[in-house]
Amino acid sequence: MAQKMRIKKGDTVVVRTGRDRGRQGEVIQVMPDEDRLLVRGVNMVKRHSAPRPGNPGGIVDKEAPVHVSNVAIADPKDGKPTRVGYKVIGEGRKVRVAKRSGEVIDG
C-alpha cells in the first residue's frame, strides 16, 4: 500500500541500510506508487545495452530504485539523517521541517 511520500525530487537523502549505508545523494526520481526513489550515485547496477544509432552499446552503470524506508532526509543544518515534520508558517503556507533541528527543508 502506498504511503505518503515525505521526500521529493531534488532532496538530499542519506541511505540508512544496505550496501550503500551512510552514502548521501540527490533524489532524481520519485515513484510514489511503488514507494521507491532513484538516488544519484546510490545502488548502482550494471546493465548491458545493445548498440543503437547514436548509442555504441556496452555495459552501462545506472541507478536502481531504493525503497523509501531505507533512506532518510539529510538535515539541512548538519547533514545527518532526520525525520520530516510539517509546520504552517506565514499566511497558511505549509512547509516541511527537520525533526532533528527544526530547520525548514523547503525554502
N, C-alpha and C. Protein backbone atom coordinates (compact mmCIF):
# COMPACT_ATOMS: atom_id res chain seq x y z
N MET A 1 0.84 -1.19 0.00
CA MET A 1 0.00 0.00 0.00
C MET A 1 0.88 1.25 0.00
N ALA A 2 0.58 2.16 -0.87
CA ALA A 2 1.38 3.39 -0.98
C ALA A 2 1.14 4.28 0.23
N GLN A 3 2.23 4.81 0.77
CA GLN A 3 2.13 5.73 1.90
C GLN A 3 2.46 7.14 1.43
N LYS A 4 2.25 8.11 2.28
CA LYS A 4 2.54 9.49 1.90
C LYS A 4 4.04 9.67 1.76
N MET A 5 4.47 10.24 0.62
CA MET A 5 5.89 10.46 0.38
C MET A 5 6.30 11.79 0.98
N ARG A 6 7.23 11.76 1.91
CA ARG A 6 7.72 12.98 2.54
C ARG A 6 9.01 13.45 1.88
N ILE A 7 9.45 12.70 0.87
CA ILE A 7 10.68 13.02 0.16
C ILE A 7 10.31 13.43 -1.26
N LYS A 8 10.96 14.48 -1.76
CA LYS A 8 10.65 15.00 -3.10
C LYS A 8 11.90 14.98 -3.97
N LYS A 9 11.68 15.13 -5.26
CA LYS A 9 12.78 15.22 -6.21
C LYS A 9 13.65 16.43 -5.85
N GLY A 10 14.97 16.24 -5.85
CA GLY A 10 15.89 17.33 -5.52
C GLY A 10 16.35 17.31 -4.08
N ASP A 11 15.69 16.55 -3.20
CA ASP A 11 16.11 16.46 -1.80
C ASP A 11 17.42 15.69 -1.69
N THR A 12 18.20 16.01 -0.66
CA THR A 12 19.39 15.22 -0.34
C THR A 12 19.00 14.21 0.73
N VAL A 13 19.31 12.94 0.45
CA VAL A 13 18.93 11.88 1.38
C VAL A 13 20.17 11.09 1.79
N VAL A 14 20.07 10.40 2.94
CA VAL A 14 21.11 9.53 3.47
C VAL A 14 20.56 8.12 3.46
N VAL A 15 21.35 7.15 2.94
CA VAL A 15 20.93 5.75 2.92
C VAL A 15 21.15 5.17 4.31
N ARG A 16 20.11 4.54 4.86
CA ARG A 16 20.15 4.03 6.23
C ARG A 16 20.59 2.57 6.31
N THR A 17 20.28 1.76 5.28
CA THR A 17 20.58 0.33 5.34
C THR A 17 21.12 -0.15 4.00
N GLY A 18 21.69 -1.33 4.02
CA GLY A 18 22.11 -1.97 2.78
C GLY A 18 23.55 -1.68 2.40
N ARG A 19 23.88 -2.04 1.19
CA ARG A 19 25.24 -1.97 0.66
C ARG A 19 25.80 -0.55 0.67
N ASP A 20 24.94 0.45 0.44
CA ASP A 20 25.36 1.84 0.34
C ASP A 20 25.09 2.63 1.62
N ARG A 21 25.01 1.96 2.75
CA ARG A 21 24.69 2.61 4.02
C ARG A 21 25.64 3.77 4.30
N GLY A 22 25.06 4.92 4.69
CA GLY A 22 25.84 6.10 5.03
C GLY A 22 26.09 7.03 3.85
N ARG A 23 25.83 6.59 2.63
CA ARG A 23 26.08 7.43 1.47
C ARG A 23 24.96 8.45 1.30
N GLN A 24 25.32 9.62 0.78
CA GLN A 24 24.33 10.66 0.52
C GLN A 24 24.20 10.84 -0.97
N GLY A 25 23.02 11.29 -1.39
CA GLY A 25 22.80 11.58 -2.79
C GLY A 25 21.53 12.39 -2.98
N GLU A 26 21.40 12.92 -4.19
CA GLU A 26 20.23 13.72 -4.53
C GLU A 26 19.17 12.82 -5.17
N VAL A 27 17.92 13.03 -4.80
CA VAL A 27 16.82 12.26 -5.37
C VAL A 27 16.58 12.75 -6.80
N ILE A 28 16.66 11.82 -7.78
CA ILE A 28 16.44 12.22 -9.17
C ILE A 28 15.05 11.83 -9.66
N GLN A 29 14.43 10.86 -9.02
CA GLN A 29 13.07 10.48 -9.43
C GLN A 29 12.35 9.86 -8.24
N VAL A 30 11.08 10.16 -8.11
CA VAL A 30 10.24 9.61 -7.05
C VAL A 30 9.15 8.76 -7.70
N MET A 31 8.98 7.53 -7.19
CA MET A 31 7.95 6.61 -7.71
C MET A 31 6.98 6.30 -6.58
N PRO A 32 5.98 7.18 -6.35
CA PRO A 32 5.11 7.00 -5.18
C PRO A 32 4.26 5.74 -5.22
N ASP A 33 3.90 5.25 -6.40
CA ASP A 33 3.08 4.04 -6.48
C ASP A 33 3.82 2.81 -5.98
N GLU A 34 5.16 2.82 -6.14
CA GLU A 34 5.98 1.68 -5.69
C GLU A 34 6.72 1.96 -4.39
N ASP A 35 6.56 3.16 -3.82
CA ASP A 35 7.28 3.58 -2.61
C ASP A 35 8.79 3.51 -2.81
N ARG A 36 9.27 3.93 -3.99
CA ARG A 36 10.69 3.86 -4.31
C ARG A 36 11.22 5.18 -4.83
N LEU A 37 12.55 5.33 -4.75
CA LEU A 37 13.24 6.54 -5.20
C LEU A 37 14.45 6.15 -6.03
N LEU A 38 14.85 7.03 -6.94
CA LEU A 38 16.15 6.91 -7.60
C LEU A 38 17.04 7.97 -6.98
N VAL A 39 18.20 7.56 -6.47
CA VAL A 39 19.12 8.47 -5.81
C VAL A 39 20.43 8.47 -6.59
N ARG A 40 20.91 9.67 -6.95
CA ARG A 40 22.13 9.81 -7.75
C ARG A 40 23.34 9.18 -7.05
N GLY A 41 23.99 8.23 -7.72
CA GLY A 41 25.21 7.61 -7.21
C GLY A 41 25.00 6.53 -6.17
N VAL A 42 23.76 6.14 -5.91
CA VAL A 42 23.46 5.14 -4.89
C VAL A 42 22.78 3.94 -5.55
N ASN A 43 23.11 2.73 -5.08
CA ASN A 43 22.54 1.48 -5.59
C ASN A 43 22.82 1.32 -7.09
N MET A 44 24.07 1.49 -7.46
CA MET A 44 24.49 1.39 -8.85
C MET A 44 24.48 -0.07 -9.30
N VAL A 45 23.95 -0.31 -10.50
CA VAL A 45 23.93 -1.63 -11.11
C VAL A 45 24.47 -1.52 -12.52
N LYS A 46 24.92 -2.66 -13.06
CA LYS A 46 25.43 -2.68 -14.44
C LYS A 46 24.35 -3.24 -15.34
N ARG A 47 24.12 -2.58 -16.46
CA ARG A 47 23.14 -3.02 -17.44
C ARG A 47 23.82 -3.14 -18.79
N HIS A 48 23.52 -4.20 -19.50
CA HIS A 48 24.07 -4.40 -20.84
C HIS A 48 23.12 -3.79 -21.85
N SER A 49 23.65 -2.90 -22.71
CA SER A 49 22.77 -2.29 -23.70
C SER A 49 23.27 -2.61 -25.10
N ALA A 50 22.34 -2.91 -25.96
CA ALA A 50 22.68 -3.26 -27.35
C ALA A 50 22.97 -1.98 -28.12
N PRO A 51 23.83 -2.07 -29.13
CA PRO A 51 24.12 -0.88 -29.94
C PRO A 51 22.89 -0.40 -30.69
N ARG A 52 22.72 0.90 -30.73
CA ARG A 52 21.62 1.53 -31.46
C ARG A 52 22.19 2.76 -32.14
N PRO A 53 21.49 3.33 -33.10
CA PRO A 53 22.00 4.56 -33.71
C PRO A 53 22.19 5.66 -32.66
N GLY A 54 23.38 6.19 -32.57
CA GLY A 54 23.68 7.22 -31.58
C GLY A 54 24.12 6.68 -30.24
N ASN A 55 24.08 5.36 -30.07
CA ASN A 55 24.48 4.73 -28.82
C ASN A 55 25.36 3.53 -29.15
N PRO A 56 26.63 3.54 -28.73
CA PRO A 56 27.51 2.44 -29.10
C PRO A 56 27.21 1.13 -28.39
N GLY A 57 26.43 1.17 -27.32
CA GLY A 57 26.14 -0.05 -26.58
C GLY A 57 27.24 -0.36 -25.58
N GLY A 58 27.15 -1.53 -24.95
CA GLY A 58 28.15 -1.93 -23.96
C GLY A 58 27.54 -2.04 -22.58
N ILE A 59 28.40 -2.02 -21.57
CA ILE A 59 27.94 -2.15 -20.19
C ILE A 59 27.84 -0.75 -19.59
N VAL A 60 26.65 -0.43 -19.07
CA VAL A 60 26.35 0.90 -18.56
C VAL A 60 26.06 0.82 -17.06
N ASP A 61 26.65 1.74 -16.27
CA ASP A 61 26.31 1.85 -14.85
C ASP A 61 25.12 2.78 -14.71
N LYS A 62 24.10 2.35 -13.96
CA LYS A 62 22.95 3.21 -13.72
C LYS A 62 22.39 2.96 -12.33
N GLU A 63 21.57 3.90 -11.86
CA GLU A 63 20.99 3.78 -10.53
C GLU A 63 19.77 2.86 -10.57
N ALA A 64 19.64 2.03 -9.55
CA ALA A 64 18.44 1.20 -9.38
C ALA A 64 17.60 1.83 -8.27
N PRO A 65 16.29 1.62 -8.29
CA PRO A 65 15.43 2.21 -7.26
C PRO A 65 15.75 1.69 -5.85
N VAL A 66 15.56 2.56 -4.86
CA VAL A 66 15.76 2.24 -3.45
C VAL A 66 14.41 2.43 -2.76
N HIS A 67 14.07 1.54 -1.84
CA HIS A 67 12.81 1.69 -1.12
C HIS A 67 12.88 2.90 -0.20
N VAL A 68 11.78 3.64 -0.10
CA VAL A 68 11.74 4.88 0.66
C VAL A 68 12.03 4.64 2.15
N SER A 69 11.77 3.45 2.66
CA SER A 69 12.02 3.17 4.07
C SER A 69 13.50 3.02 4.37
N ASN A 70 14.32 2.87 3.34
CA ASN A 70 15.76 2.69 3.54
C ASN A 70 16.55 3.99 3.46
N VAL A 71 15.88 5.11 3.29
CA VAL A 71 16.56 6.40 3.24
C VAL A 71 15.90 7.38 4.20
N ALA A 72 16.64 8.43 4.57
CA ALA A 72 16.11 9.50 5.41
C ALA A 72 16.63 10.81 4.86
N ILE A 73 15.85 11.85 5.00
CA ILE A 73 16.26 13.18 4.55
C ILE A 73 17.48 13.62 5.35
N ALA A 74 18.43 14.28 4.69
CA ALA A 74 19.59 14.83 5.38
C ALA A 74 19.19 16.17 6.00
N ASP A 75 19.51 16.34 7.28
CA ASP A 75 19.20 17.58 7.98
C ASP A 75 19.95 18.74 7.31
N PRO A 76 19.25 19.83 6.96
CA PRO A 76 19.92 20.95 6.30
C PRO A 76 21.02 21.59 7.16
N LYS A 77 20.94 21.41 8.48
CA LYS A 77 21.90 22.03 9.39
C LYS A 77 23.23 21.27 9.43
N ASP A 78 23.16 19.93 9.62
CA ASP A 78 24.41 19.17 9.79
C ASP A 78 24.55 17.96 8.86
N GLY A 79 23.57 17.69 8.02
CA GLY A 79 23.69 16.59 7.05
C GLY A 79 23.41 15.21 7.61
N LYS A 80 23.03 15.12 8.87
CA LYS A 80 22.73 13.81 9.46
C LYS A 80 21.28 13.44 9.15
N PRO A 81 20.94 12.14 9.20
CA PRO A 81 19.57 11.72 8.89
C PRO A 81 18.55 12.27 9.88
N THR A 82 17.38 12.65 9.38
CA THR A 82 16.33 13.18 10.23
C THR A 82 14.98 12.75 9.70
N ARG A 83 13.98 12.82 10.57
CA ARG A 83 12.60 12.60 10.14
C ARG A 83 12.01 13.92 9.69
N VAL A 84 10.87 13.84 9.05
CA VAL A 84 10.25 15.04 8.48
C VAL A 84 8.94 15.33 9.19
N GLY A 85 8.77 16.59 9.55
CA GLY A 85 7.51 17.05 10.12
C GLY A 85 6.98 18.19 9.27
N TYR A 86 5.81 18.68 9.60
CA TYR A 86 5.20 19.78 8.85
C TYR A 86 4.85 20.90 9.81
N LYS A 87 4.94 22.14 9.31
CA LYS A 87 4.61 23.30 10.11
C LYS A 87 3.96 24.32 9.18
N VAL A 88 2.97 25.03 9.71
CA VAL A 88 2.32 26.09 8.94
C VAL A 88 2.96 27.41 9.34
N ILE A 89 3.50 28.12 8.34
CA ILE A 89 4.14 29.41 8.63
C ILE A 89 3.49 30.50 7.79
N GLY A 90 3.70 31.72 8.20
CA GLY A 90 3.18 32.86 7.44
C GLY A 90 1.67 32.81 7.35
N GLU A 91 1.18 33.03 6.16
CA GLU A 91 -0.26 33.07 5.92
C GLU A 91 -0.78 31.74 5.41
N GLY A 92 -0.62 30.70 6.22
CA GLY A 92 -1.16 29.40 5.88
C GLY A 92 -0.29 28.57 4.95
N ARG A 93 0.99 28.90 4.83
CA ARG A 93 1.89 28.13 3.97
C ARG A 93 2.45 26.95 4.76
N LYS A 94 2.26 25.73 4.24
CA LYS A 94 2.70 24.53 4.91
C LYS A 94 4.08 24.14 4.38
N VAL A 95 5.05 23.95 5.28
CA VAL A 95 6.40 23.60 4.87
C VAL A 95 6.87 22.36 5.62
N ARG A 96 7.86 21.67 5.03
CA ARG A 96 8.47 20.53 5.70
C ARG A 96 9.58 21.04 6.61
N VAL A 97 9.69 20.45 7.79
CA VAL A 97 10.74 20.82 8.73
C VAL A 97 11.46 19.56 9.20
N ALA A 98 12.74 19.71 9.53
CA ALA A 98 13.54 18.59 10.06
C ALA A 98 13.22 18.43 11.53
N LYS A 99 12.86 17.23 11.95
CA LYS A 99 12.55 16.97 13.36
C LYS A 99 13.78 17.13 14.24
N ARG A 100 14.95 16.85 13.68
CA ARG A 100 16.20 16.88 14.44
C ARG A 100 16.58 18.29 14.88
N SER A 101 16.49 19.26 13.94
CA SER A 101 16.97 20.61 14.25
C SER A 101 15.88 21.68 14.18
N GLY A 102 14.73 21.34 13.58
CA GLY A 102 13.68 22.32 13.42
C GLY A 102 13.86 23.22 12.21
N GLU A 103 14.91 22.99 11.42
CA GLU A 103 15.17 23.79 10.22
C GLU A 103 14.12 23.49 9.15
N VAL A 104 13.78 24.51 8.36
CA VAL A 104 12.85 24.33 7.25
C VAL A 104 13.58 23.65 6.10
N ILE A 105 12.97 22.60 5.54
CA ILE A 105 13.60 21.85 4.45
C ILE A 105 13.33 22.52 3.11
N ASP A 106 12.06 22.88 2.82
CA ASP A 106 11.80 23.59 1.57
C ASP A 106 11.87 25.08 1.84
N GLY A 107 12.59 25.78 0.97
CA GLY A 107 12.81 27.21 1.12
C GLY A 107 11.61 27.99 1.07
